[in-house]
Amino acid sequence: MSLQEELIQIGRQARAAADALRSLSCGTKDRALMGMAQALRDGARALGESNARDLEAGREKGLSGAMLDRLTLTDKRIEGMAVGVEAVVALPDPVGDILHQTVRPNGLRIAQIRQPLGVVGIIYESRPNVTADAAALCLKSGNACILRGGSEAIHSNLAIADIIADGARAAGVPDHAVQILRTTDRAAVGELLKLDRYVDVIVPRGGKGLIARIYDESRIPVVAHLDGICHTYVHADADLAMAKTVSLNAKLQRPGVCNAMETLLVHEAVAAAFLPDLVAALDAAGCEVRGCPRTCAIVACNEATEEDWVTEYLDRILSIKVVDSLEAAIEHINLYGSHHSDAIITEGYGSAERFLDAVDSASVYVNASTRFTDGFEFGLGAEIGISTNKLHCRGPMALKELTTLKYVIRGTGQIRE
């Protein structure tokens, strides 16, 4: 069987599973999710062994520390995957929700309801926990999924997918509800992107190169963000102790993720008081600072270039710019940012509201770290990705975002004159 034929078979199997999943009861889906969570716990040792093979290969390839961190499955992270699946159980099933209903003068009863998208293709890199998150959200929302993880996590992803597929099947979920591409051949992505007859939406999670390729090649609608260039702006009236804590968390808690801060903006009125202490803490944590000329005049750092303002480092590197005003900060974010997640640190109600209103991003914060942009942290359960699209969904993509709408019309023999 050729690669193309194999992908077509996978697509057909997914479509058949989606047709069955559409009418699966919430109770059956929840039992399957609980079975998947327990299967992850029971298979923790095998998952650790598979992950160790990926980590060894990653070190041989010279992957960065941040990338290896994204790849690593500790016992705590495996338990976190299981807890994430269980969190989806606790969420309301969106399928069948009535958004609007009315009775027309002619007696027609019209309702708008949620229904599954159908088949969701997820293409992702590095983080194997995405395998469990995506499968759980797709199952709960009544969708079949086709998973394609990165080659650097192939052993981990296959082990997770096999474990959760077995756990779901034991609870009565149809075969092929969760499928994973078992090859590392890059051509498989191209073949998946041609399956518009079987796949309803593609959700990519990964680097800019991967997502740009998918946008260029896909025949299927794509929901994604291209970059995660996130900002924190420290306003003139900020609590500087809070600003330091939030900034360090946003940059250093996990530098290799899309909601980590990449650029810090600081109002000129507090730059001299704020930056020396902050940069000392960044230096101590091994974080390189690249600053504008005004930043370099205050602290010792490398000078930032124009390219730095549009770079998603995904590493211990931070660009810093001193700005004249709140409006200058907003202008910089809207010009150079990726419309993902941006924050202001301020004690003023007016400045906070202006920032929330004017910054055109999927998630906008006041006095909090951008690291909270996450479906689990937002109370949505796990997430399948974060969207900076403006059509269909924006921000963390969870259960409701994995549904579409249907009009259901009930009549008593009405005809249109």
Protein backbone atom coordinates (compact mmCIF):
# COMPACT_ATOMS: atom_id res chain seq x y z
CA MET A 1 0.00 0.00 0.00
CA SER A 2 1.39 3.40 -0.97
CA LEU A 3 1.54 6.29 1.49
CA GLN A 4 -1.29 8.02 -0.37
CA GLU A 5 -3.46 4.89 -0.21
CA GLU A 6 -2.68 4.47 3.48
CA LEU A 7 -3.75 8.03 4.25
CA ILE A 8 -6.97 7.65 2.27
CA GLN A 9 -7.77 4.50 4.25
CA ILE A 10 -7.12 6.35 7.51
CA GLY A 11 -9.40 9.16 6.34
CA ARG A 12 -12.21 6.76 5.45
CA GLN A 13 -11.87 5.02 8.80
CA ALA A 14 -11.99 8.36 10.61
CA ARG A 15 -15.11 9.44 8.71
CA ALA A 16 -16.89 6.19 9.61
CA ALA A 17 -15.90 6.63 13.26
CA ALA A 18 -17.09 10.25 13.23
CA ASP A 19 -20.50 9.18 11.95
CA ALA A 20 -20.82 6.81 14.89
CA LEU A 21 -19.41 9.25 17.45
CA ARG A 22 -21.98 11.90 16.55
CA SER A 23 -24.74 9.97 18.32
CA LEU A 24 -22.66 8.53 21.17
CA SER A 25 -24.12 9.32 24.59
CA CYS A 26 -22.34 11.63 27.00
CA GLY A 27 -22.18 8.79 29.53
CA THR A 28 -20.36 6.52 27.09
CA LYS A 29 -17.90 9.27 26.18
CA ASP A 30 -17.20 10.04 29.84
CA ARG A 31 -16.63 6.36 30.67
CA ALA A 32 -14.20 6.17 27.78
CA LEU A 33 -12.34 9.23 29.03
CA MET A 34 -12.04 7.76 32.52
CA GLY A 35 -10.72 4.58 30.95
CA MET A 36 -8.19 6.59 28.97
CA ALA A 37 -6.99 8.39 32.11
CA GLN A 38 -6.54 5.14 34.00
CA ALA A 39 -4.79 3.57 31.04
CA LEU A 40 -2.26 6.41 31.06
CA ARG A 41 -1.53 5.80 34.74
CA ASP A 42 -1.28 2.05 34.25
CA GLY A 43 1.04 2.53 31.29
CA ALA A 44 3.33 5.11 32.95
CA ARG A 45 6.34 2.80 33.00
CA ALA A 46 6.01 1.88 29.34
CA LEU A 47 5.49 5.55 28.48
CA GLY A 48 8.67 6.46 30.35
CA GLU A 49 10.65 3.86 28.43
CA SER A 50 9.33 5.08 25.09
CA ASN A 51 10.03 8.67 26.06
CA ALA A 52 13.59 7.80 27.07
CA ARG A 53 14.24 6.59 23.50
CA ASP A 54 13.04 9.93 22.14
CA LEU A 55 15.14 11.92 24.62
CA GLU A 56 18.26 9.94 23.78
CA ALA A 57 17.72 10.54 20.08
CA GLY A 58 17.06 14.24 20.77
CA ARG A 59 20.33 14.66 22.64
CA GLU A 60 22.20 12.97 19.80
CA LYS A 61 20.59 15.44 17.38
CA GLY A 62 21.65 18.37 19.58
CA LEU A 63 18.17 19.59 20.51
CA SER A 64 18.19 22.64 22.82
CA GLY A 65 17.43 22.37 26.50
CA ALA A 66 14.09 24.08 25.95
CA MET A 67 13.15 21.61 23.22
CA LEU A 68 14.17 18.64 25.35
CA ASP A 69 12.02 20.03 28.16
CA ARG A 70 9.00 20.17 25.84
CA LEU A 71 9.69 16.56 24.89
CA THR A 72 10.19 15.14 28.38
CA LEU A 73 7.53 12.98 30.07
CA THR A 74 8.16 12.80 33.81
CA ASP A 75 5.91 10.86 36.17
CA LYS A 76 4.40 14.21 37.14
CA ARG A 77 3.64 15.09 33.53
CA ILE A 78 2.12 11.67 32.83
CA GLU A 79 -0.11 12.15 35.86
CA GLY A 80 -0.86 15.63 34.54
CA MET A 81 -2.03 14.11 31.25
CA ALA A 82 -4.33 11.75 33.12
CA VAL A 83 -5.70 14.59 35.27
CA GLY A 84 -6.23 16.64 32.12
CA VAL A 85 -8.31 13.85 30.57
CA GLU A 86 -10.37 13.57 33.77
CA ALA A 87 -10.91 17.33 33.75
CA VAL A 88 -12.61 16.96 30.37
CA VAL A 89 -15.03 14.44 31.92
CA ALA A 90 -16.17 17.10 34.38
CA LEU A 91 -16.99 19.57 31.60
CA PRO A 92 -20.46 19.84 30.08
CA ASP A 93 -20.91 18.04 26.78
CA PRO A 94 -21.49 20.79 24.18
CA VAL A 95 -23.05 18.47 21.60
CA GLY A 96 -26.78 19.17 21.31
CA ASP A 97 -26.66 22.49 23.16
CA ILE A 98 -29.41 24.81 21.94
CA LEU A 99 -28.00 28.26 21.24
CA HIS A 100 -31.21 29.82 19.99
CA GLN A 101 -34.77 28.76 19.25
CA THR A 102 -37.84 30.51 17.97
CA VAL A 103 -41.31 29.84 16.62
CA ARG A 104 -42.08 31.58 13.35
CA PRO A 105 -45.53 33.07 12.57
CA ASN A 106 -46.20 30.11 10.25
CA GLY A 107 -45.64 27.68 13.10
CA LEU A 108 -42.16 26.47 12.15
CA ARG A 109 -40.02 25.79 15.23
CA ILE A 110 -36.41 26.67 14.46
CA ALA A 111 -33.50 25.83 16.75
CA GLN A 112 -29.77 26.33 16.36
CA ILE A 113 -27.76 23.56 18.02
CA ARG A 114 -24.15 22.48 18.42
CA GLN A 115 -22.86 19.41 16.65
CA PRO A 116 -19.38 17.89 16.16
CA LEU A 117 -17.13 19.16 13.40
CA GLY A 118 -16.60 15.55 12.30
CA VAL A 119 -12.95 14.61 11.68
CA VAL A 120 -10.17 16.76 13.14
CA GLY A 121 -6.57 16.45 11.99
CA ILE A 122 -3.97 17.57 14.52
CA ILE A 123 -0.37 18.11 13.39
CA TYR A 124 2.04 18.95 16.19
CA GLU A 125 5.66 18.97 17.30
CA SER A 126 7.66 18.11 20.42
CA ARG A 127 5.09 18.01 23.20
CA PRO A 128 3.71 14.45 23.48
CA ASN A 129 1.04 15.47 26.01
CA VAL A 130 -0.80 17.00 23.02
CA THR A 131 -1.62 13.43 21.95
CA ALA A 132 -3.72 12.84 25.07
CA ASP A 133 -5.19 16.35 25.21
CA ALA A 134 -6.30 16.29 21.59
CA ALA A 135 -7.81 12.82 21.77
CA ALA A 136 -9.74 13.65 24.94
CA LEU A 137 -11.21 16.88 23.61
CA CYS A 138 -12.12 15.36 20.26
CA LEU A 139 -13.83 12.39 21.89
CA LYS A 140 -15.85 14.49 24.33
CA SER A 141 -17.01 16.77 21.51
CA GLY A 142 -17.96 13.79 19.34
CA ASN A 143 -15.15 14.09 16.80
CA ALA A 144 -12.82 11.49 15.36
CA CYS A 145 -9.19 12.58 15.25
CA ILE A 146 -6.15 11.87 13.12
CA LEU A 147 -2.94 12.69 14.98
CA ARG A 148 0.45 13.42 13.45
CA GLY A 149 3.15 14.14 16.01
CA GLY A 150 6.70 15.25 15.37
CA SER A 151 9.45 12.76 14.55
CA GLU A 152 11.37 13.82 17.67
CA ALA A 153 8.57 12.33 19.85
CA ILE A 154 7.54 9.41 17.66
CA HIS A 155 7.97 6.66 20.28
CA SER A 156 6.23 8.68 23.01
CA ASN A 157 3.33 9.66 20.75
CA LEU A 158 2.73 6.15 19.45
CA ALA A 159 2.74 4.75 22.98
CA ILE A 160 0.28 7.37 24.26
CA ALA A 161 -2.04 7.00 21.25
CA ASP A 162 -2.13 3.22 21.52
CA ILE A 163 -2.83 3.34 25.25
CA ILE A 164 -5.68 5.83 25.02
CA ALA A 165 -7.20 4.20 21.93
CA ASP A 166 -7.36 0.88 23.80
CA GLY A 167 -8.86 2.60 26.84
CA ALA A 168 -11.54 4.29 24.73
CA ARG A 169 -12.37 1.15 22.76
CA ALA A 170 -12.94 -0.84 25.95
CA ALA A 171 -15.71 1.62 26.89
CA GLY A 172 -17.58 1.23 23.62
CA VAL A 173 -16.05 3.95 21.47
CA PRO A 174 -15.93 2.89 17.80
CA ASP A 175 -12.69 1.71 16.24
CA HIS A 176 -10.55 4.38 14.58
CA ALA A 177 -11.99 7.22 16.68
CA VAL A 178 -8.37 7.97 17.60
CA GLN A 179 -5.77 7.29 14.92
CA ILE A 180 -2.12 8.33 14.72
CA LEU A 181 0.15 8.39 11.69
CA ARG A 182 2.84 5.86 12.47
CA THR A 183 5.44 7.16 10.02
CA THR A 184 7.97 9.96 10.36
CA ASP A 185 7.93 10.51 6.60
CA ARG A 186 7.35 14.24 6.04
CA ALA A 187 5.34 13.40 2.94
CA ALA A 188 2.61 12.03 5.21
CA VAL A 189 1.72 15.58 6.26
CA GLY A 190 1.23 16.60 2.65
CA GLU A 191 -1.03 13.61 2.02
CA LEU A 192 -3.08 14.36 5.14
CA LEU A 193 -3.60 17.93 3.97
CA LYS A 194 -5.20 16.62 0.76
CA LEU A 195 -7.93 14.64 2.56
CA ASP A 196 -10.58 17.34 2.29
CA ARG A 197 -13.14 14.63 1.44
CA TYR A 198 -12.70 13.08 4.88
CA VAL A 199 -11.13 15.67 7.23
CA ASP A 200 -13.10 18.76 8.30
CA VAL A 201 -10.45 20.90 9.98
CA ILE A 202 -6.69 20.90 10.54
CA VAL A 203 -5.22 22.17 13.83
CA PRO A 204 -1.42 22.59 13.71
CA ARG A 205 0.70 23.07 16.83
CA GLY A 206 4.38 23.73 16.35
CA GLY A 207 6.98 26.04 14.94
CA LYS A 208 6.49 28.78 12.43
CA GLY A 209 7.88 26.70 9.58
CA LEU A 210 5.45 23.86 10.15
CA ILE A 211 2.40 26.10 10.45
CA ALA A 212 3.39 28.20 7.42
CA ARG A 213 3.72 25.02 5.37
CA ILE A 214 0.29 23.82 6.47
CA TYR A 215 -1.33 27.15 5.60
CA ASP A 216 0.29 26.98 2.17
CA GLU A 217 -0.54 23.36 1.33
CA SER A 218 -3.81 22.51 3.04
CA ARG A 219 -7.01 21.94 1.10
CA ILE A 220 -8.73 21.76 4.50
CA PRO A 221 -9.64 24.77 6.71
CA VAL A 222 -6.83 25.49 9.20
CA VAL A 223 -7.21 26.84 12.76
CA ALA A 224 -3.87 27.95 14.25
CA HIS A 225 -1.50 30.65 15.34
CA LEU A 226 1.64 31.26 13.33
CA ASP A 227 3.74 32.83 16.12
CA GLY A 228 3.60 33.37 19.86
CA ILE A 229 5.26 36.78 20.16
CA CYS A 230 3.83 37.73 23.54
CA HIS A 231 4.45 41.02 25.36
CA THR A 232 4.36 42.35 28.89
CA TYR A 233 4.12 46.12 29.28
CA VAL A 234 5.12 47.76 32.58
CA HIS A 235 3.23 51.05 32.84
CA ALA A 236 4.40 54.16 34.70
CA ASP A 237 2.13 53.46 37.69
CA ALA A 238 2.96 49.73 37.97
CA ASP A 239 3.75 48.00 41.24
CA LEU A 240 7.36 47.21 40.36
CA ALA A 241 7.62 44.22 42.69
CA MET A 242 4.58 42.71 40.97
CA ALA A 243 6.00 43.63 37.57
CA LYS A 244 9.23 41.79 38.34
CA THR A 245 7.46 38.66 39.56
CA VAL A 246 5.07 38.54 36.61
CA SER A 247 7.78 39.27 34.05
CA LEU A 248 10.12 36.57 35.35
CA ASN A 249 7.29 34.06 35.36
CA ALA A 250 6.16 35.00 31.86
CA LYS A 251 9.68 34.59 30.47
CA LEU A 252 11.29 31.84 32.54
CA GLN A 253 8.62 29.47 33.89
CA ARG A 254 8.69 27.57 30.56
CA PRO A 255 10.56 29.55 27.90
CA GLY A 256 9.88 27.09 25.11
CA VAL A 257 6.09 27.48 24.91
CA CYS A 258 3.94 29.77 22.78
CA ASN A 259 2.53 31.83 25.67
CA ALA A 260 5.93 32.73 27.12
CA MET A 261 6.86 36.43 26.97
CA GLU A 262 9.28 37.33 24.17
CA THR A 263 9.30 41.14 24.47
CA LEU A 264 9.14 43.34 27.56
CA LEU A 265 8.02 46.97 27.16
CA VAL A 266 8.76 49.40 29.99
CA HIS A 267 7.52 52.98 30.41
CA GLU A 268 10.39 55.47 30.46
CA ALA A 269 9.26 56.85 33.84
CA VAL A 270 10.09 53.59 35.65
CA ALA A 271 12.75 52.08 33.38
CA ALA A 272 15.75 53.22 35.46
CA ALA A 273 14.18 51.98 38.68
CA PHE A 274 12.87 48.71 37.27
CA LEU A 275 15.33 47.33 34.73
CA PRO A 276 18.57 46.88 36.76
CA ASP A 277 16.97 44.56 39.32
CA LEU A 278 15.01 42.66 36.69
CA VAL A 279 17.96 42.18 34.34
CA ALA A 280 20.11 40.97 37.24
CA ALA A 281 17.51 38.28 37.93
CA LEU A 282 17.36 37.37 34.23
CA ASP A 283 21.15 37.14 34.07
CA ALA A 284 21.19 34.89 37.12
CA ALA A 285 18.71 32.59 35.38
CA GLY A 286 20.84 32.41 32.24
CA CYS A 287 18.52 34.56 30.12
CA GLU A 288 20.12 36.71 27.43
CA VAL A 289 18.75 40.26 27.18
CA ARG A 290 18.60 42.23 23.94
CA GLY A 291 17.64 45.83 24.46
CA CYS A 292 16.81 48.99 22.58
CA PRO A 293 19.37 51.87 22.86
CA ARG A 294 17.58 53.30 25.90
CA THR A 295 17.63 49.90 27.59
CA CYS A 296 21.33 49.49 26.82
CA ALA A 297 21.99 52.88 28.44
CA ILE A 298 20.48 51.60 31.70
CA VAL A 299 21.74 48.00 31.87
CA ALA A 300 24.51 45.99 30.23
CA CYS A 301 22.96 43.94 27.41
CA ASN A 302 23.20 43.18 23.72
CA GLU A 303 21.57 45.69 21.40
CA ALA A 304 18.32 44.53 19.83
CA THR A 305 17.79 44.63 16.08
CA GLU A 306 14.55 45.15 14.19
CA GLU A 307 14.40 41.38 13.73
CA ASP A 308 14.24 40.83 17.49
CA TRP A 309 10.85 42.51 17.77
CA VAL A 310 9.33 39.91 15.42
CA THR A 311 11.16 36.85 16.74
CA GLU A 312 9.62 34.07 18.81
CA TYR A 313 12.72 32.86 20.66
CA LEU A 314 11.20 29.88 22.52
CA ASP A 315 14.35 30.07 24.63
CA ARG A 316 16.01 32.05 27.42
CA ILE A 317 16.26 35.22 25.35
CA LEU A 318 14.25 38.40 25.98
CA SER A 319 14.04 41.63 24.01
CA ILE A 320 13.36 44.80 26.01
CA LYS A 321 12.20 48.20 24.78
CA VAL A 322 11.67 51.43 26.70
CA VAL A 323 8.60 53.29 25.45
CA ASP A 324 7.33 56.82 25.96
CA SER A 325 3.71 56.06 26.73
CA LEU A 326 0.87 53.56 26.97
CA GLU A 327 -0.11 54.42 23.40
CA ALA A 328 3.42 53.68 22.20
CA ALA A 329 3.28 50.29 23.91
CA ILE A 330 -0.08 49.50 22.29
CA GLU A 331 1.23 50.58 18.90
CA HIS A 332 4.32 48.37 19.27
CA ILE A 333 2.27 45.31 20.30
CA ASN A 334 -0.23 45.67 17.47
CA LEU A 335 2.57 46.23 14.94
CA TYR A 336 5.07 43.58 15.98
CA GLY A 337 3.01 41.10 17.98
CA SER A 338 1.31 37.93 16.79
CA HIS A 339 -2.09 38.67 18.40
CA HIS A 340 -1.62 35.78 20.83
CA SER A 341 -1.25 36.95 24.46
CA ASP A 342 -0.21 40.33 25.85
CA ALA A 343 -0.23 41.85 29.34
CA ILE A 344 -0.09 45.20 31.10
CA ILE A 345 1.14 45.75 34.65
CA THR A 346 -0.63 48.82 36.04
CA GLU A 347 -2.38 50.17 39.12
CA GLY A 348 -4.64 52.41 37.05
CA TYR A 349 -8.16 51.47 35.99
CA GLY A 350 -8.08 53.77 32.97
CA SER A 351 -4.77 52.48 31.63
CA ALA A 352 -5.91 48.89 32.13
CA GLU A 353 -9.17 49.43 30.27
CA ARG A 354 -7.43 51.27 27.45
CA PHE A 355 -4.97 48.38 27.02
CA LEU A 356 -7.74 45.75 27.10
CA ASP A 357 -9.73 47.65 24.51
CA ALA A 358 -6.92 48.61 22.12
CA VAL A 359 -4.65 45.54 22.03
CA ASP A 360 -5.88 43.27 19.25
CA SER A 361 -4.91 39.87 20.66
CA ALA A 362 -6.71 36.64 21.46
CA SER A 363 -5.89 36.95 25.18
CA VAL A 364 -5.19 40.26 26.94
CA TYR A 365 -4.17 40.45 30.60
CA VAL A 366 -4.03 42.99 33.41
CA ASN A 367 -1.51 42.26 36.20
CA ALA A 368 -1.00 38.58 35.33
CA SER A 369 1.41 36.39 33.42
CA THR A 370 0.76 35.50 29.79
CA ARG A 371 1.61 31.91 30.75
CA PHE A 372 -2.04 31.44 31.74
CA THR A 373 -3.20 31.31 28.10
CA ASP A 374 -4.11 27.66 28.20
CA GLY A 375 -7.38 25.75 28.00
CA PHE A 376 -6.84 24.01 31.34
CA GLU A 377 -5.93 27.25 33.12
CA PHE A 378 -9.00 28.96 31.61
CA GLY A 379 -11.25 26.23 33.02
CA LEU A 380 -11.92 24.75 29.58
CA GLY A 381 -10.28 21.40 30.33
CA ALA A 382 -7.35 20.52 28.11
CA GLU A 383 -6.89 22.39 24.84
CA ILE A 384 -6.28 21.26 21.29
CA GLY A 385 -4.45 24.46 20.41
CA ILE A 386 -4.56 28.23 20.57
CA SER A 387 -6.07 30.15 17.69
CA THR A 388 -5.30 33.66 16.56
CA ASN A 389 -7.85 33.28 13.76
CA LYS A 390 -10.88 35.55 13.88
CA LEU A 391 -13.29 33.19 12.13
CA HIS A 392 -14.74 30.18 13.95
CA CYS A 393 -12.71 30.52 17.15
CA ARG A 394 -10.04 32.65 18.85
CA GLY A 395 -7.87 31.82 21.86
CA PRO A 396 -7.66 28.38 23.51
CA MET A 397 -9.50 25.84 21.34
CA ALA A 398 -11.43 23.48 23.60
CA LEU A 399 -14.77 21.66 23.53
CA LYS A 400 -17.11 24.33 22.18
CA GLU A 401 -14.53 25.33 19.57
CA LEU A 402 -14.57 21.73 18.29
CA THR A 403 -18.23 22.02 17.38
CA THR A 404 -20.13 23.68 14.58
CA LEU A 405 -23.75 24.79 14.31
CA LYS A 406 -26.79 23.21 12.76
CA TYR A 407 -30.31 24.57 12.26
CA VAL A 408 -33.05 22.08 13.17
CA ILE A 409 -36.50 22.99 11.84
CA ARG A 410 -39.70 21.21 12.92
CA GLY A 411 -42.94 21.74 11.06
CA THR A 412 -46.47 20.45 10.66
CA GLY A 413 -46.68 20.44 6.87
CA GLN A 414 -45.84 24.09 6.14
CA ILE A 415 -45.02 25.04 2.55
CA ARG A 416 -43.56 28.28 1.24
CA GLU A 417 -45.99 30.40 -0.78
